[in-house]
Protein backbone atom coordinates (compact mmCIF):
# COMPACT_ATOMS: atom_id res chain seq x y z
CA UNK A 1 -1.24 20.71 38.44
CA UNK A 2 -1.68 20.38 34.70
CA UNK A 3 1.17 20.80 32.27
CA UNK A 4 0.97 23.76 29.92
CA UNK A 5 0.49 23.27 26.21
CA UNK A 6 4.15 24.11 25.67
CA UNK A 7 5.38 21.31 27.92
CA UNK A 8 2.92 18.84 26.42
CA UNK A 9 4.35 19.62 22.98
CA UNK A 10 7.91 19.19 24.28
CA UNK A 11 6.89 15.84 25.79
CA UNK A 12 5.48 14.61 22.46
CA UNK A 13 8.31 16.02 20.35
CA UNK A 14 11.28 14.82 22.39
CA UNK A 15 9.99 11.76 24.24
CA UNK A 16 6.96 10.23 22.51
CA UNK A 17 8.28 10.83 18.98
CA UNK A 18 11.68 9.15 19.48
CA UNK A 19 10.17 6.28 21.52
CA UNK A 20 7.62 5.71 18.75
CA UNK A 21 10.39 5.52 16.16
CA UNK A 22 12.39 3.03 18.25
CA UNK A 23 9.32 0.88 18.89
CA UNK A 24 8.45 0.85 15.17
CA UNK A 25 11.97 -0.23 14.30
CA UNK A 26 11.84 -3.05 16.88
CA UNK A 27 8.43 -4.25 15.66
CA UNK A 28 9.77 -4.49 12.13
CA UNK A 29 12.71 -6.55 13.37
CA UNK A 30 10.34 -8.97 15.13
CA UNK A 31 8.24 -9.24 11.98
CA UNK A 32 11.23 -10.39 9.96
CA UNK A 33 12.34 -12.87 12.64
CA UNK A 34 8.88 -14.46 12.64
CA UNK A 35 8.95 -15.05 8.87
CA UNK A 36 8.57 -18.79 8.02
CA UNK A 37 11.39 -20.29 5.95
CA UNK A 38 13.45 -17.22 6.77
CA UNK A 39 16.87 -18.85 6.31
CA UNK A 40 15.87 -20.52 3.04
CA UNK A 41 14.49 -17.24 1.72
CA UNK A 42 17.64 -15.31 2.67
CA UNK A 43 19.83 -18.01 1.09
CA UNK A 44 17.91 -17.81 -2.19
CA UNK A 45 18.06 -14.01 -2.15
CA UNK A 46 21.83 -14.10 -1.67
CA UNK A 47 22.23 -16.45 -4.61
CA UNK A 48 20.45 -13.98 -6.87
CA UNK A 49 23.24 -11.44 -6.30
CA UNK A 50 25.70 -13.67 -8.16
CA UNK A 51 23.44 -15.29 -10.75
CA UNK A 52 23.27 -14.46 -14.44
CA UNK A 53 19.90 -12.85 -13.73
CA UNK A 54 21.25 -10.54 -11.03
CA UNK A 55 20.34 -7.54 -13.20
CA UNK A 56 16.67 -8.40 -12.67
CA UNK A 57 17.15 -8.28 -8.90
CA UNK A 58 18.77 -4.85 -9.09
CA UNK A 59 15.97 -3.73 -11.40
CA UNK A 60 13.50 -4.69 -8.67
CA UNK A 61 15.48 -2.48 -6.25
CA UNK A 62 15.40 0.40 -8.74
CA UNK A 63 11.66 -0.04 -9.24
CA UNK A 64 11.14 0.36 -5.48
CA UNK A 65 12.49 3.92 -5.75
CA UNK A 66 10.21 4.55 -8.71
CA UNK A 67 7.27 3.10 -6.80
CA UNK A 68 7.60 5.40 -3.79
CA UNK A 69 8.65 8.26 -6.03
CA UNK A 70 5.33 7.99 -7.84
CA UNK A 71 3.46 7.85 -4.53
CA UNK A 72 5.32 10.95 -3.35
CA UNK A 73 4.32 12.73 -6.55
CA UNK A 74 0.72 11.68 -5.98
CA UNK A 75 0.81 13.03 -2.42
CA UNK A 76 2.36 16.26 -3.66
CA UNK A 77 -0.46 16.56 -6.21
CA UNK A 78 -3.09 15.94 -3.53
CA UNK A 79 -1.63 18.64 -1.29
CA UNK A 80 -1.25 21.34 -3.97
CA UNK A 81 -4.38 23.31 -3.01
CA UNK A 82 -4.22 22.78 0.77
CA UNK A 83 -0.51 23.16 1.53
CA UNK A 84 2.04 22.93 -1.30
CA UNK A 85 4.87 20.55 -0.41
CA UNK A 86 8.29 20.15 -1.94
CA UNK A 87 8.91 16.78 -3.56
CA UNK A 88 11.49 15.96 -0.87
CA UNK A 89 9.03 16.64 1.96
CA UNK A 90 6.33 14.64 0.16
CA UNK A 91 8.78 11.73 -0.14
CA UNK A 92 9.61 11.89 3.58
CA UNK A 93 5.90 12.00 4.43
CA UNK A 94 5.24 8.91 2.34
CA UNK A 95 8.06 6.94 4.03
CA UNK A 96 6.81 7.96 7.48
CA UNK A 97 3.35 6.83 6.45
CA UNK A 98 4.73 3.42 5.43
CA UNK A 99 6.30 3.02 8.88
CA UNK A 100 3.10 3.70 10.81
CA UNK A 101 0.98 1.71 8.35
CA UNK A 102 2.82 -1.52 9.19
CA UNK A 103 1.56 -1.41 12.77
CA UNK A 104 -2.10 -0.56 12.28
CA UNK A 105 -5.21 -2.38 10.98
CA UNK A 106 -5.55 -2.11 7.20
CA UNK A 107 -2.66 0.41 7.23
CA UNK A 108 -4.76 3.28 8.51
CA UNK A 109 -1.66 4.55 10.29
CA UNK A 110 -0.39 5.70 6.91
CA UNK A 111 -2.55 8.80 7.26
CA UNK A 112 -1.02 9.61 10.65
CA UNK A 113 2.51 9.32 9.27
CA UNK A 114 1.87 11.68 6.40
CA UNK A 115 0.20 14.43 8.38
CA UNK A 116 3.28 14.78 10.59
CA UNK A 117 4.65 16.97 7.78
CA UNK A 118 1.48 19.05 7.51
CA UNK A 119 0.71 22.22 9.48
CA UNK A 120 -1.37 21.51 12.57
CA UNK A 121 -4.42 23.38 11.28
CA UNK A 122 -4.45 21.41 8.02
CA UNK A 123 -3.95 17.89 9.36
CA UNK A 124 -7.56 16.70 9.43
CA UNK A 125 -8.12 18.07 5.93
CA UNK A 126 -4.94 16.28 4.81
CA UNK A 127 -6.41 12.99 6.02
CA UNK A 128 -9.37 13.55 3.66
CA UNK A 129 -6.92 14.06 0.80
CA UNK A 130 -5.00 10.94 1.74
CA UNK A 131 -8.21 8.91 1.69
CA UNK A 132 -8.91 10.21 -1.83
CA UNK A 133 -5.44 9.05 -2.88
CA UNK A 134 -6.05 5.63 -1.34
CA UNK A 135 -9.36 5.42 -3.18
CA UNK A 136 -7.60 5.96 -6.51
CA UNK A 137 -5.19 3.10 -5.72
CA UNK A 138 -8.05 0.83 -4.62
CA UNK A 139 -9.95 1.50 -7.85
CA UNK A 140 -6.95 0.41 -9.91
CA UNK A 141 -6.36 -2.64 -7.70
CA UNK A 142 -9.96 -3.83 -7.96
CA UNK A 143 -10.16 -3.09 -11.69
CA UNK A 144 -6.99 -5.05 -12.49
CA UNK A 145 -8.05 -7.80 -10.08
CA UNK A 146 -11.26 -8.20 -12.06
CA UNK A 147 -9.10 -8.73 -15.14
CA UNK A 148 -7.18 -11.43 -13.29
CA UNK A 149 -10.37 -13.21 -12.25
CA UNK A 150 -11.64 -13.11 -15.85
CA UNK A 151 -8.31 -14.59 -17.01
CA UNK A 152 -8.53 -17.46 -14.51
CA UNK A 153 -12.15 -18.22 -15.34
CA UNK A 154 -11.58 -18.12 -19.11
CA UNK A 155 -8.35 -20.17 -19.19
CA UNK A 156 -9.01 -22.81 -16.55
CA UNK A 157 -9.70 -26.20 -18.08
CA UNK A 158 -11.35 -27.71 -15.02
CA UNK A 159 -14.38 -25.94 -13.62
CA UNK A 160 -14.13 -28.15 -10.51
CA UNK A 161 -10.82 -26.56 -9.47
CA UNK A 162 -10.60 -23.98 -6.69
CA UNK A 163 -8.43 -20.96 -5.94
CA UNK A 164 -7.60 -19.91 -2.36
CA UNK A 165 -10.36 -22.26 -1.23
CA UNK A 166 -13.02 -20.73 -3.48
CA UNK A 167 -14.83 -22.74 -6.15
CA UNK A 168 -15.24 -21.17 -9.56
CA UNK A 169 -18.84 -20.36 -8.68
CA UNK A 170 -17.63 -18.15 -5.81
CA UNK A 171 -14.84 -16.76 -7.97
CA UNK A 172 -17.54 -15.52 -10.35
CA UNK A 173 -19.46 -14.03 -7.41
CA UNK A 174 -16.25 -12.27 -6.31
CA UNK A 175 -15.82 -10.95 -9.85
CA UNK A 176 -19.37 -9.59 -9.86
CA UNK A 177 -19.00 -7.90 -6.45
CA UNK A 178 -15.60 -6.45 -7.34
CA UNK A 179 -16.89 -5.10 -10.66
CA UNK A 180 -19.86 -3.41 -8.97
CA UNK A 181 -17.56 -1.95 -6.33
CA UNK A 182 -15.27 -0.48 -9.00
CA UNK A 183 -18.22 1.20 -10.71
CA UNK A 184 -19.51 2.66 -7.42
CA UNK A 185 -16.05 3.89 -6.39
CA UNK A 186 -15.52 5.50 -9.79
CA UNK A 187 -18.84 7.35 -9.49
CA UNK A 188 -17.89 8.69 -6.06
CA UNK A 189 -14.31 9.40 -7.12
CA UNK A 190 -15.31 11.61 -10.03
CA UNK A 191 -18.18 13.14 -8.06
CA UNK A 192 -16.61 13.74 -4.67
CA UNK A 193 -18.95 16.71 -4.26
CA UNK A 194 -21.83 14.20 -4.00
CA UNK A 195 -20.22 12.67 -0.95
CA UNK A 196 -19.90 16.09 0.66
CA UNK A 197 -23.56 16.91 -0.02
CA UNK A 198 -24.66 13.58 1.48
CA UNK A 199 -22.65 14.27 4.63
CA UNK A 200 -23.98 17.84 4.86
CA UNK A 201 -27.57 16.51 4.99
CA UNK A 202 -26.81 14.37 8.04
CA UNK A 203 -26.83 16.59 11.18
CA UNK A 204 -24.54 14.15 13.00
CA UNK A 205 -21.77 14.60 10.43
CA UNK A 206 -22.46 18.03 8.92
CA UNK A 207 -19.96 19.72 11.26
CA UNK A 208 -17.17 17.72 9.68
CA UNK A 209 -17.77 19.08 6.17
CA UNK A 210 -15.28 21.88 6.82
CA UNK A 211 -12.56 19.22 6.82
CA UNK A 212 -13.59 17.51 3.58
CA UNK A 213 -14.60 20.56 1.52
CA UNK A 214 -11.04 20.55 0.19
CA UNK A 215 -12.06 17.56 -1.96
CA UNK A 216 -14.29 19.86 -4.03
CA UNK A 217 -11.19 21.55 -5.44
CA UNK A 218 -10.33 18.50 -7.55
CA UNK A 219 -11.32 18.75 -11.19
CA UNK A 220 -11.38 15.84 -13.63
CA UNK A 221 -7.86 16.56 -14.83
CA UNK A 222 -6.40 16.22 -11.32
CA UNK A 223 -8.42 13.07 -10.61
CA UNK A 224 -7.17 11.49 -13.83
CA UNK A 225 -3.60 12.36 -12.79
CA UNK A 226 -4.17 10.54 -9.50
CA UNK A 227 -5.49 7.47 -11.30
CA UNK A 228 -2.51 7.60 -13.69
CA UNK A 229 -0.02 7.68 -10.81
CA UNK A 230 -1.89 4.82 -9.15
CA UNK A 231 -1.87 2.76 -12.34
CA UNK A 232 1.85 3.32 -12.90
CA UNK A 233 2.56 2.28 -9.30
CA UNK A 234 0.46 -0.83 -9.85
CA UNK A 235 2.41 -1.82 -12.96
CA UNK A 236 5.65 -1.31 -11.02
CA UNK A 237 4.36 -3.64 -8.28
CA UNK A 238 3.47 -6.38 -10.75
CA UNK A 239 6.72 -6.02 -12.69
CA UNK A 240 8.71 -6.37 -9.47
CA UNK A 241 6.92 -9.61 -8.64
CA UNK A 242 7.41 -11.06 -12.12
CA UNK A 243 11.13 -10.21 -12.23
CA UNK A 244 11.80 -11.64 -8.76
CA UNK A 245 9.82 -14.80 -9.56
CA UNK A 246 12.02 -15.30 -12.62
CA UNK A 247 15.21 -14.71 -10.62
CA UNK A 248 14.13 -17.29 -8.02
CA UNK A 249 13.25 -19.89 -10.67
CA UNK A 250 9.49 -19.89 -10.22
CA UNK A 251 8.62 -21.13 -13.69
CA UNK A 252 5.46 -19.86 -15.34
CA UNK A 253 4.47 -17.81 -18.35
CA UNK A 254 4.74 -14.08 -17.69
CA UNK A 255 1.09 -13.55 -18.61
CA UNK A 256 0.06 -16.18 -16.06
CA UNK A 257 2.20 -14.53 -13.42
CA UNK A 258 0.83 -11.08 -14.30
CA UNK A 259 -2.83 -11.99 -13.87
CA UNK A 260 -2.31 -14.21 -10.82
CA UNK A 261 -0.49 -11.33 -9.12
CA UNK A 262 -3.43 -9.01 -9.87
CA UNK A 263 -5.66 -11.49 -8.00
CA UNK A 264 -3.17 -11.53 -5.13
CA UNK A 265 -3.35 -7.74 -4.84
CA UNK A 266 -7.14 -7.91 -5.04
CA UNK A 267 -7.29 -10.41 -2.17
CA UNK A 268 -4.83 -8.40 -0.05
CA UNK A 269 -6.95 -5.28 -0.63
CA UNK A 270 -10.22 -6.83 0.56
CA UNK A 271 -9.02 -9.05 3.43
CA UNK A 272 -9.06 -7.06 6.69
CA UNK A 273 -5.91 -7.54 8.74
CA UNK A 274 -3.31 -5.93 10.94
CA UNK A 275 -0.60 -4.81 8.58
CA UNK A 276 2.05 -6.07 11.00
CA UNK A 277 0.81 -9.58 10.10
CA UNK A 278 0.71 -8.68 6.41
CA UNK A 279 3.88 -10.62 5.55
CA UNK A 280 2.37 -13.88 6.79
CA UNK A 281 -0.86 -13.19 4.92
CA UNK A 282 1.05 -12.35 1.75
CA UNK A 283 3.05 -15.59 1.98
CA UNK A 284 -0.09 -17.67 2.48
CA UNK A 285 -2.06 -16.21 -0.42
CA UNK A 286 0.99 -15.99 -2.70
CA UNK A 287 1.69 -19.68 -2.21
CA UNK A 288 -1.90 -20.72 -2.80
CA UNK A 289 -2.32 -18.57 -5.91
CA UNK A 290 1.06 -18.98 -7.62
CA UNK A 291 1.22 -22.73 -6.92
CA UNK A 292 -1.68 -22.88 -9.37
CA UNK A 293 1.05 -22.69 -12.05
CA UNK A 294 4.30 -23.54 -10.21
CA UNK A 295 5.41 -26.09 -7.58
CA UNK A 296 8.42 -24.05 -6.42
CA UNK A 297 6.94 -23.17 -3.03
CA UNK A 298 10.21 -21.94 -1.49
CA UNK A 299 10.81 -19.70 -4.50
CA UNK A 300 7.29 -18.24 -4.14
CA UNK A 301 7.76 -17.59 -0.40
CA UNK A 302 11.22 -16.08 -1.01
CA UNK A 303 9.74 -13.79 -3.67
CA UNK A 304 7.03 -12.60 -1.30
CA UNK A 305 9.62 -12.06 1.42
CA UNK A 306 11.90 -10.18 -0.97
CA UNK A 307 9.14 -7.90 -2.23
CA UNK A 308 8.06 -7.15 1.35
CA UNK A 309 11.64 -6.34 2.40
CA UNK A 310 12.33 -4.13 -0.63
CA UNK A 311 8.98 -2.35 -0.89
CA UNK A 312 7.94 -2.07 2.75
CA UNK A 313 10.56 -3.05 5.32
CA UNK A 314 13.44 -0.89 4.07
CA UNK A 315 11.22 2.19 3.46
CA UNK A 316 9.65 1.64 6.91
CA UNK A 317 13.09 1.54 8.56
CA UNK A 318 13.99 4.82 6.87
CA UNK A 319 10.61 6.21 7.91
CA UNK A 320 11.17 5.17 11.55
CA UNK A 321 14.46 7.11 11.55
CA UNK A 322 12.64 10.14 10.12
CA UNK A 323 9.95 9.89 12.80
CA UNK A 324 12.59 9.82 15.56
CA UNK A 325 13.81 13.23 14.45
CA UNK A 326 10.48 14.87 13.65
CA UNK A 327 8.64 17.35 15.87
CA UNK A 328 5.03 16.23 16.10
CA UNK A 329 3.92 19.70 17.23
CA UNK A 330 5.46 23.07 16.53
CA UNK A 331 6.64 24.87 19.63
CA UNK A 332 5.52 28.45 20.06
């Protein structure tokens, strides 16, 4: 005998939802425990609380609120035409998205976390909007990463050197590919209607156009707002890294740190991975890139760990608590 729709919704709302939240919380705990040099990183972070540069550490904390506040505003902007959300609900949706993103390949679970706060009939359309928001962030990441690659190529004194295992020949190839990708993404971003028309011509996908037609409602002004929010978030990210590097005595010029970090974000954006392993990947690439200018390996690892804890772990813990209490489906 099959369960009725009502009982299926109760099962998801009161059993699956809470269990999912508990499992997410536990997976985050395991992720932290598996962090290499964990004790050394925690020790360095504790020292920052009592150092003369402690204000920089607390600024990094403040910037985390600004970071997710900007993302919430971007999500609110995306949802204006489909289902207007209050800023508070948009903020909760973003935090829930962070939680699910940490346990899925390339953070695709972020979409699932956000649509929990969207009406059932609008959820697939909301995923299309979320993808558009992610595209705006990717455009900024690739664009700034290209600037970082140009900086490295133009300032490096030895053409025989390598970065993250790539010779300067392949660095130039990466720059060319990234630049072309930015141009293509910008064309699609400002002409989302083209994408819809292409899909409509394919019989296999034409039935899905009803879910992405919402993208046609974006005019240039809205798209520029999305790019602006994405750029501001990006600057917040980089500033957090630079401040925490300074607090943890990773010595380098700020301009060197700025452009190396843009390359780090570029690499993290293009390397496919399970986000639950993202901390290890971040530590590996951060060490290889930043050691180009500094030998303070522990300080670099501690910085990466600190940024991950502040920007992702803590918001994900809050998001897991929110997911425990949310009703996945509305009962009728």
